[in-house]
Amino acid sequence: MMRPMPRLSLAVLLWFAGAAQAQVCPDPAKPCAGFKENDLSFVLPKDGVARDEVKSPPFWAVILRTADPCTIQDKERAAAQALFPRNKVFHTRFECDGDVENNVTYTNVNAKFGFLAVYAGEERTAAEALLEQVKAAGKFPGANLRRMQAVFVSP
């Protein structure tokens, strides 16, 4: 017979679960501080510990399109953002233009390409549903799902 979980332990587990889910800032109207408009932002630690890089929790994204590095411009991101008002649209500008503040990159992508993507959630089911919506709209042929993390690299 299993013993019921003490309330304090359950509360702590729920707090950690909520904290993990709240670390990425996928709402385009409420970005986390310290990021550029083209980045998918997330909560950076405020503990004073120096780090070479900080990774977001894993999430799903729909890759809308790929291109040569540094060629996707913010006006294209802004136009795509209008199509997804509740999901942050982002594109990589890592190491572009010699700007050390283009310091966000992403895992599970080919560094030889730039990309335009939309945040698709933490759960694969939600991500697949968004991918189907993207495909049905017909604006982004070749759109596909990718599990990734945003990586803030210290300048």
N, C-alpha and C. Protein backbone atom coordinates (compact mmCIF):
# COMPACT_ATOMS: atom_id res chain seq x y z
N MET A 1 0.83 -1.18 0.00
CA MET A 1 0.00 0.00 0.00
C MET A 1 0.88 1.25 0.00
N MET A 2 0.57 2.18 -0.90
CA MET A 2 1.37 3.39 -0.99
C MET A 2 0.88 4.42 0.02
N ARG A 3 1.82 5.08 0.62
CA ARG A 3 1.47 6.16 1.54
C ARG A 3 1.20 7.43 0.75
N PRO A 4 0.27 8.25 1.19
CA PRO A 4 0.02 9.51 0.49
C PRO A 4 1.24 10.42 0.63
N MET A 5 1.48 11.20 -0.39
CA MET A 5 2.61 12.11 -0.39
C MET A 5 2.32 13.26 0.58
N PRO A 6 3.27 13.61 1.42
CA PRO A 6 3.05 14.75 2.32
C PRO A 6 2.79 16.01 1.51
N ARG A 7 2.01 16.91 2.06
CA ARG A 7 1.63 18.13 1.35
C ARG A 7 2.83 19.00 1.00
N LEU A 8 3.76 19.10 1.89
CA LEU A 8 4.92 19.92 1.62
C LEU A 8 5.67 19.39 0.41
N SER A 9 5.88 18.10 0.33
CA SER A 9 6.60 17.51 -0.81
C SER A 9 5.83 17.74 -2.10
N LEU A 10 4.53 17.59 -2.08
CA LEU A 10 3.73 17.81 -3.26
C LEU A 10 3.83 19.28 -3.68
N ALA A 11 3.77 20.18 -2.74
CA ALA A 11 3.87 21.60 -3.05
C ALA A 11 5.22 21.93 -3.67
N VAL A 12 6.28 21.34 -3.15
CA VAL A 12 7.61 21.57 -3.69
C VAL A 12 7.70 21.03 -5.11
N LEU A 13 7.16 19.84 -5.35
CA LEU A 13 7.17 19.27 -6.70
C LEU A 13 6.40 20.16 -7.68
N LEU A 14 5.25 20.65 -7.27
CA LEU A 14 4.46 21.51 -8.13
C LEU A 14 5.18 22.82 -8.42
N TRP A 15 5.88 23.35 -7.41
CA TRP A 15 6.64 24.58 -7.61
C TRP A 15 7.73 24.36 -8.64
N PHE A 16 8.49 23.23 -8.51
CA PHE A 16 9.55 22.95 -9.48
C PHE A 16 8.98 22.74 -10.87
N ALA A 17 7.87 22.06 -10.97
CA ALA A 17 7.24 21.84 -12.28
C ALA A 17 6.84 23.16 -12.91
N GLY A 18 6.26 24.04 -12.12
CA GLY A 18 5.87 25.36 -12.62
C GLY A 18 7.08 26.20 -12.99
N ALA A 19 8.14 26.11 -12.20
CA ALA A 19 9.35 26.88 -12.48
C ALA A 19 9.97 26.42 -13.79
N ALA A 20 10.01 25.12 -14.03
CA ALA A 20 10.60 24.61 -15.27
C ALA A 20 9.80 25.07 -16.48
N GLN A 21 8.48 25.09 -16.37
CA GLN A 21 7.65 25.48 -17.49
C GLN A 21 7.72 26.98 -17.74
N ALA A 22 8.00 27.77 -16.73
CA ALA A 22 7.97 29.22 -16.86
C ALA A 22 9.30 29.79 -17.35
N GLN A 23 10.32 28.96 -17.59
CA GLN A 23 11.63 29.50 -17.91
C GLN A 23 11.74 30.06 -19.33
N VAL A 24 11.04 29.48 -20.29
CA VAL A 24 11.03 30.04 -21.64
C VAL A 24 9.94 31.09 -21.69
N CYS A 25 10.18 32.15 -22.43
CA CYS A 25 9.18 33.23 -22.55
C CYS A 25 8.62 33.22 -23.98
N PRO A 26 7.64 32.35 -24.24
CA PRO A 26 7.15 32.16 -25.61
C PRO A 26 6.13 33.19 -26.07
N ASP A 27 5.64 34.03 -25.16
CA ASP A 27 4.64 35.03 -25.52
C ASP A 27 5.36 36.23 -26.12
N PRO A 28 5.12 36.54 -27.40
CA PRO A 28 5.84 37.66 -28.03
C PRO A 28 5.58 39.00 -27.35
N ALA A 29 4.49 39.12 -26.63
CA ALA A 29 4.18 40.37 -25.94
C ALA A 29 4.87 40.48 -24.58
N LYS A 30 5.46 39.37 -24.10
CA LYS A 30 6.08 39.36 -22.78
C LYS A 30 7.44 38.66 -22.82
N PRO A 31 8.42 39.26 -23.53
CA PRO A 31 9.73 38.61 -23.59
C PRO A 31 10.48 38.73 -22.27
N CYS A 32 11.40 37.83 -22.05
CA CYS A 32 12.30 37.92 -20.89
C CYS A 32 13.35 38.99 -21.17
N ALA A 33 13.88 39.58 -20.12
CA ALA A 33 14.89 40.62 -20.25
C ALA A 33 16.22 40.05 -20.73
N GLY A 34 16.97 40.89 -21.43
CA GLY A 34 18.32 40.54 -21.82
C GLY A 34 18.47 39.95 -23.21
N PHE A 35 17.41 39.97 -24.02
CA PHE A 35 17.44 39.35 -25.34
C PHE A 35 17.05 40.35 -26.41
N LYS A 36 17.47 40.07 -27.63
CA LYS A 36 17.07 40.87 -28.78
C LYS A 36 15.71 40.40 -29.29
N GLU A 37 15.10 41.24 -30.10
CA GLU A 37 13.76 40.95 -30.65
C GLU A 37 13.72 39.66 -31.44
N ASN A 38 14.82 39.30 -32.10
CA ASN A 38 14.82 38.10 -32.94
C ASN A 38 15.04 36.81 -32.15
N ASP A 39 15.35 36.91 -30.86
CA ASP A 39 15.65 35.73 -30.05
C ASP A 39 14.41 35.16 -29.38
N LEU A 40 14.42 33.84 -29.16
CA LEU A 40 13.46 33.25 -28.23
C LEU A 40 14.09 33.43 -26.86
N SER A 41 13.45 34.20 -26.01
CA SER A 41 14.04 34.53 -24.72
C SER A 41 13.65 33.53 -23.65
N PHE A 42 14.45 33.52 -22.59
CA PHE A 42 14.18 32.68 -21.44
C PHE A 42 14.79 33.33 -20.21
N VAL A 43 14.37 32.87 -19.04
CA VAL A 43 14.82 33.47 -17.79
C VAL A 43 16.29 33.12 -17.58
N LEU A 44 17.10 34.15 -17.43
CA LEU A 44 18.52 33.96 -17.14
C LEU A 44 18.74 33.93 -15.63
N PRO A 45 19.67 33.13 -15.15
CA PRO A 45 19.92 33.08 -13.71
C PRO A 45 20.41 34.42 -13.18
N LYS A 46 20.02 34.72 -11.97
CA LYS A 46 20.42 35.98 -11.33
C LYS A 46 21.18 35.69 -10.05
N ASP A 47 21.99 34.62 -10.08
CA ASP A 47 22.70 34.22 -8.87
C ASP A 47 24.12 34.74 -8.79
N GLY A 48 24.54 35.53 -9.79
CA GLY A 48 25.87 36.11 -9.77
C GLY A 48 26.98 35.17 -10.19
N VAL A 49 26.66 33.95 -10.58
CA VAL A 49 27.67 32.98 -11.01
C VAL A 49 27.98 33.22 -12.49
N ALA A 50 29.28 33.38 -12.80
CA ALA A 50 29.70 33.57 -14.19
C ALA A 50 29.58 32.24 -14.95
N ARG A 51 28.99 32.31 -16.14
CA ARG A 51 28.81 31.12 -16.97
C ARG A 51 29.20 31.45 -18.40
N ASP A 52 29.80 30.49 -19.09
CA ASP A 52 30.10 30.67 -20.51
C ASP A 52 28.82 30.71 -21.33
N GLU A 53 27.86 29.87 -20.92
CA GLU A 53 26.58 29.82 -21.61
C GLU A 53 25.49 29.34 -20.66
N VAL A 54 24.26 29.68 -21.01
CA VAL A 54 23.08 29.23 -20.26
C VAL A 54 22.10 28.70 -21.29
N LYS A 55 21.55 27.51 -21.03
CA LYS A 55 20.58 26.90 -21.94
C LYS A 55 19.18 26.99 -21.36
N SER A 56 18.23 27.20 -22.25
CA SER A 56 16.83 27.15 -21.87
C SER A 56 16.42 25.70 -21.68
N PRO A 57 15.26 25.48 -21.08
CA PRO A 57 14.72 24.11 -21.09
C PRO A 57 14.42 23.71 -22.54
N PRO A 58 14.39 22.42 -22.84
CA PRO A 58 14.04 21.98 -24.20
C PRO A 58 12.61 22.40 -24.57
N PHE A 59 12.43 22.69 -25.84
CA PHE A 59 11.11 23.05 -26.36
C PHE A 59 11.03 22.59 -27.81
N TRP A 60 9.83 22.63 -28.35
CA TRP A 60 9.60 22.30 -29.75
C TRP A 60 9.43 23.59 -30.54
N ALA A 61 9.96 23.59 -31.75
CA ALA A 61 9.79 24.71 -32.66
C ALA A 61 9.40 24.17 -34.02
N VAL A 62 8.63 24.95 -34.75
CA VAL A 62 8.38 24.66 -36.15
C VAL A 62 9.36 25.52 -36.93
N ILE A 63 10.26 24.85 -37.64
CA ILE A 63 11.19 25.56 -38.52
C ILE A 63 10.39 25.95 -39.76
N LEU A 64 10.19 27.23 -39.96
CA LEU A 64 9.39 27.71 -41.08
C LEU A 64 10.19 27.68 -42.38
N ARG A 65 11.46 28.09 -42.27
CA ARG A 65 12.32 28.01 -43.45
C ARG A 65 13.77 28.14 -43.01
N THR A 66 14.67 27.68 -43.87
CA THR A 66 16.10 27.84 -43.66
C THR A 66 16.67 28.69 -44.79
N ALA A 67 17.86 29.23 -44.54
CA ALA A 67 18.51 30.10 -45.52
C ALA A 67 20.00 30.13 -45.21
N ASP A 68 20.75 30.84 -46.03
CA ASP A 68 22.16 31.03 -45.72
C ASP A 68 22.27 31.77 -44.38
N PRO A 69 23.34 31.55 -43.64
CA PRO A 69 23.51 32.24 -42.35
C PRO A 69 23.43 33.76 -42.51
N CYS A 70 22.81 34.40 -41.56
CA CYS A 70 22.75 35.87 -41.46
C CYS A 70 21.94 36.55 -42.56
N THR A 71 21.15 35.81 -43.33
CA THR A 71 20.39 36.43 -44.42
C THR A 71 18.93 36.69 -44.07
N ILE A 72 18.38 36.01 -43.08
CA ILE A 72 16.99 36.27 -42.69
C ILE A 72 16.97 37.57 -41.89
N GLN A 73 16.13 38.49 -42.32
CA GLN A 73 16.07 39.80 -41.69
C GLN A 73 14.88 39.91 -40.75
N ASP A 74 14.93 40.88 -39.85
CA ASP A 74 13.87 41.00 -38.86
C ASP A 74 12.52 41.36 -39.46
N LYS A 75 12.50 42.03 -40.61
CA LYS A 75 11.20 42.34 -41.22
C LYS A 75 10.47 41.06 -41.62
N GLU A 76 11.20 40.02 -42.01
CA GLU A 76 10.58 38.74 -42.32
C GLU A 76 10.05 38.08 -41.04
N ARG A 77 10.84 38.18 -39.97
CA ARG A 77 10.38 37.65 -38.68
C ARG A 77 9.11 38.36 -38.23
N ALA A 78 9.09 39.67 -38.35
CA ALA A 78 7.92 40.46 -37.93
C ALA A 78 6.68 40.08 -38.75
N ALA A 79 6.85 39.86 -40.04
CA ALA A 79 5.71 39.45 -40.89
C ALA A 79 5.20 38.08 -40.46
N ALA A 80 6.10 37.16 -40.18
CA ALA A 80 5.68 35.84 -39.71
C ALA A 80 5.05 35.93 -38.32
N GLN A 81 5.56 36.84 -37.48
CA GLN A 81 5.01 36.99 -36.14
C GLN A 81 3.53 37.37 -36.19
N ALA A 82 3.15 38.16 -37.17
CA ALA A 82 1.74 38.55 -37.31
C ALA A 82 0.84 37.34 -37.55
N LEU A 83 1.39 36.27 -38.10
CA LEU A 83 0.62 35.05 -38.35
C LEU A 83 0.45 34.20 -37.09
N PHE A 84 1.32 34.41 -36.11
CA PHE A 84 1.33 33.60 -34.87
C PHE A 84 1.36 34.53 -33.66
N PRO A 85 0.27 35.22 -33.38
CA PRO A 85 0.30 36.26 -32.33
C PRO A 85 0.57 35.74 -30.92
N ARG A 86 0.37 34.46 -30.66
CA ARG A 86 0.58 33.92 -29.31
C ARG A 86 1.87 33.12 -29.17
N ASN A 87 2.58 32.90 -30.27
CA ASN A 87 3.80 32.09 -30.25
C ASN A 87 4.95 32.93 -30.81
N LYS A 88 6.01 33.03 -30.07
CA LYS A 88 7.16 33.81 -30.49
C LYS A 88 7.77 33.25 -31.77
N VAL A 89 7.95 34.12 -32.76
CA VAL A 89 8.68 33.79 -33.97
C VAL A 89 10.10 34.31 -33.78
N PHE A 90 11.08 33.48 -34.10
CA PHE A 90 12.47 33.86 -33.87
C PHE A 90 13.34 33.40 -35.03
N HIS A 91 14.50 34.01 -35.14
CA HIS A 91 15.47 33.58 -36.15
C HIS A 91 16.86 33.78 -35.60
N THR A 92 17.77 32.98 -36.09
CA THR A 92 19.12 33.03 -35.57
C THR A 92 19.92 34.14 -36.25
N ARG A 93 20.65 34.88 -35.42
CA ARG A 93 21.58 35.92 -35.90
C ARG A 93 22.93 35.72 -35.21
N PHE A 94 23.17 34.52 -34.68
CA PHE A 94 24.39 34.23 -33.93
C PHE A 94 25.63 34.51 -34.78
N GLU A 95 26.52 35.33 -34.22
CA GLU A 95 27.78 35.71 -34.86
C GLU A 95 27.58 36.42 -36.19
N CYS A 96 26.48 37.09 -36.38
CA CYS A 96 26.24 37.87 -37.60
C CYS A 96 26.71 39.30 -37.41
N ASP A 97 27.16 39.90 -38.47
CA ASP A 97 27.52 41.31 -38.51
C ASP A 97 28.64 41.70 -37.55
N GLY A 98 29.40 40.73 -37.05
CA GLY A 98 30.48 41.03 -36.12
C GLY A 98 29.99 41.59 -34.79
N ASP A 99 28.71 41.43 -34.51
CA ASP A 99 28.10 41.98 -33.30
C ASP A 99 28.14 40.94 -32.18
N VAL A 100 28.95 41.20 -31.13
CA VAL A 100 29.06 40.24 -30.03
C VAL A 100 27.76 40.10 -29.24
N GLU A 101 26.83 41.02 -29.46
CA GLU A 101 25.55 40.90 -28.77
C GLU A 101 24.56 40.02 -29.53
N ASN A 102 24.94 39.51 -30.69
CA ASN A 102 24.16 38.46 -31.35
C ASN A 102 24.65 37.15 -30.74
N ASN A 103 24.29 36.95 -29.48
CA ASN A 103 24.90 35.89 -28.69
C ASN A 103 23.93 34.78 -28.30
N VAL A 104 22.86 34.60 -29.06
CA VAL A 104 21.93 33.50 -28.80
C VAL A 104 21.99 32.54 -29.98
N THR A 105 22.22 31.29 -29.67
CA THR A 105 22.21 30.24 -30.68
C THR A 105 21.24 29.16 -30.21
N TYR A 106 21.13 28.10 -30.97
CA TYR A 106 20.14 27.06 -30.67
C TYR A 106 20.76 25.69 -30.87
N THR A 107 20.35 24.74 -30.06
CA THR A 107 20.83 23.38 -30.20
C THR A 107 20.04 22.66 -31.28
N ASN A 108 20.59 21.55 -31.75
CA ASN A 108 19.92 20.66 -32.69
C ASN A 108 19.60 21.33 -34.03
N VAL A 109 20.47 22.25 -34.44
CA VAL A 109 20.35 22.87 -35.76
C VAL A 109 21.72 22.83 -36.43
N ASN A 110 21.74 22.94 -37.73
CA ASN A 110 22.97 22.96 -38.50
C ASN A 110 23.48 24.40 -38.55
N ALA A 111 24.66 24.65 -37.99
CA ALA A 111 25.23 26.01 -37.93
C ALA A 111 25.54 26.58 -39.31
N LYS A 112 25.51 25.75 -40.34
CA LYS A 112 25.78 26.23 -41.70
C LYS A 112 24.57 26.93 -42.30
N PHE A 113 23.44 26.93 -41.59
CA PHE A 113 22.21 27.54 -42.09
C PHE A 113 21.60 28.47 -41.05
N GLY A 114 20.94 29.49 -41.53
CA GLY A 114 20.09 30.30 -40.68
C GLY A 114 18.68 29.73 -40.75
N PHE A 115 17.83 30.12 -39.82
CA PHE A 115 16.45 29.62 -39.86
C PHE A 115 15.48 30.65 -39.30
N LEU A 116 14.24 30.51 -39.69
CA LEU A 116 13.11 31.25 -39.16
C LEU A 116 12.20 30.21 -38.54
N ALA A 117 11.81 30.39 -37.28
CA ALA A 117 11.03 29.38 -36.57
C ALA A 117 9.97 30.03 -35.69
N VAL A 118 9.02 29.21 -35.27
CA VAL A 118 8.00 29.66 -34.33
C VAL A 118 7.97 28.68 -33.16
N TYR A 119 7.89 29.23 -31.96
CA TYR A 119 7.82 28.40 -30.75
C TYR A 119 6.55 27.56 -30.82
N ALA A 120 6.70 26.24 -30.58
CA ALA A 120 5.57 25.33 -30.73
C ALA A 120 5.20 24.62 -29.43
N GLY A 121 5.84 24.93 -28.32
CA GLY A 121 5.44 24.38 -27.03
C GLY A 121 6.43 23.38 -26.45
N GLU A 122 6.07 22.89 -25.29
CA GLU A 122 6.90 21.93 -24.58
C GLU A 122 6.52 20.49 -24.90
N GLU A 123 5.30 20.29 -25.35
CA GLU A 123 4.79 18.95 -25.63
C GLU A 123 4.73 18.69 -27.13
N ARG A 124 5.13 17.51 -27.53
CA ARG A 124 5.16 17.16 -28.95
C ARG A 124 3.77 17.24 -29.58
N THR A 125 2.75 16.85 -28.85
CA THR A 125 1.39 16.87 -29.39
C THR A 125 0.98 18.28 -29.82
N ALA A 126 1.24 19.26 -28.97
CA ALA A 126 0.93 20.65 -29.31
C ALA A 126 1.77 21.11 -30.50
N ALA A 127 3.03 20.70 -30.52
CA ALA A 127 3.91 21.08 -31.62
C ALA A 127 3.42 20.50 -32.95
N GLU A 128 3.00 19.26 -32.93
CA GLU A 128 2.49 18.63 -34.15
C GLU A 128 1.22 19.34 -34.64
N ALA A 129 0.38 19.77 -33.71
CA ALA A 129 -0.84 20.50 -34.09
C ALA A 129 -0.48 21.83 -34.76
N LEU A 130 0.51 22.54 -34.21
CA LEU A 130 0.92 23.80 -34.82
C LEU A 130 1.54 23.55 -36.20
N LEU A 131 2.34 22.50 -36.32
CA LEU A 131 2.92 22.17 -37.61
C LEU A 131 1.83 21.91 -38.65
N GLU A 132 0.78 21.22 -38.26
CA GLU A 132 -0.33 20.97 -39.20
C GLU A 132 -0.99 22.28 -39.63
N GLN A 133 -1.14 23.23 -38.69
CA GLN A 133 -1.71 24.54 -39.04
C GLN A 133 -0.80 25.27 -40.04
N VAL A 134 0.50 25.21 -39.79
CA VAL A 134 1.46 25.87 -40.68
C VAL A 134 1.38 25.26 -42.07
N LYS A 135 1.37 23.94 -42.14
CA LYS A 135 1.31 23.27 -43.44
C LYS A 135 0.01 23.59 -44.17
N ALA A 136 -1.10 23.62 -43.43
CA ALA A 136 -2.41 23.90 -44.04
C ALA A 136 -2.46 25.30 -44.64
N ALA A 137 -1.74 26.25 -44.04
CA ALA A 137 -1.74 27.62 -44.55
C ALA A 137 -0.97 27.73 -45.87
N GLY A 138 -0.04 26.81 -46.12
CA GLY A 138 0.67 26.78 -47.38
C GLY A 138 1.71 27.86 -47.59
N LYS A 139 2.04 28.64 -46.58
CA LYS A 139 3.00 29.74 -46.73
C LYS A 139 4.45 29.31 -46.54
N PHE A 140 4.66 28.18 -45.87
CA PHE A 140 6.01 27.74 -45.55
C PHE A 140 6.22 26.28 -45.97
N PRO A 141 6.41 26.05 -47.27
CA PRO A 141 6.64 24.67 -47.72
C PRO A 141 7.92 24.13 -47.08
N GLY A 142 7.88 22.91 -46.68
CA GLY A 142 9.05 22.31 -46.04
C GLY A 142 9.14 22.56 -44.55
N ALA A 143 8.14 23.19 -43.96
CA ALA A 143 8.15 23.42 -42.50
C ALA A 143 8.28 22.07 -41.79
N ASN A 144 9.02 22.07 -40.69
CA ASN A 144 9.24 20.82 -39.96
C ASN A 144 9.45 21.10 -38.49
N LEU A 145 9.31 20.05 -37.69
CA LEU A 145 9.47 20.17 -36.23
C LEU A 145 10.91 19.94 -35.82
N ARG A 146 11.29 20.63 -34.75
CA ARG A 146 12.62 20.45 -34.19
C ARG A 146 12.55 20.62 -32.68
N ARG A 147 13.15 19.70 -31.96
CA ARG A 147 13.30 19.83 -30.51
C ARG A 147 14.62 20.55 -30.29
N MET A 148 14.61 21.63 -29.54
CA MET A 148 15.82 22.43 -29.37
C MET A 148 15.85 23.13 -28.04
N GLN A 149 16.95 23.83 -27.81
CA GLN A 149 17.11 24.71 -26.67
C GLN A 149 17.72 26.01 -27.18
N ALA A 150 17.36 27.11 -26.59
CA ALA A 150 18.04 28.37 -26.85
C ALA A 150 19.27 28.41 -25.95
N VAL A 151 20.36 28.96 -26.48
CA VAL A 151 21.61 29.01 -25.73
C VAL A 151 22.10 30.47 -25.72
N PHE A 152 22.16 31.05 -24.54
CA PHE A 152 22.70 32.40 -24.35
C PHE A 152 24.20 32.26 -24.08
N VAL A 153 25.01 32.74 -25.01
CA VAL A 153 26.47 32.65 -24.90
C VAL A 153 26.98 33.98 -24.37
N SER A 154 27.72 33.94 -23.28
CA SER A 154 28.24 35.17 -22.70
C SER A 154 29.25 35.82 -23.64
N PRO A 155 29.09 37.14 -23.85
CA PRO A 155 30.01 37.85 -24.77
C PRO A 155 31.42 37.92 -24.18
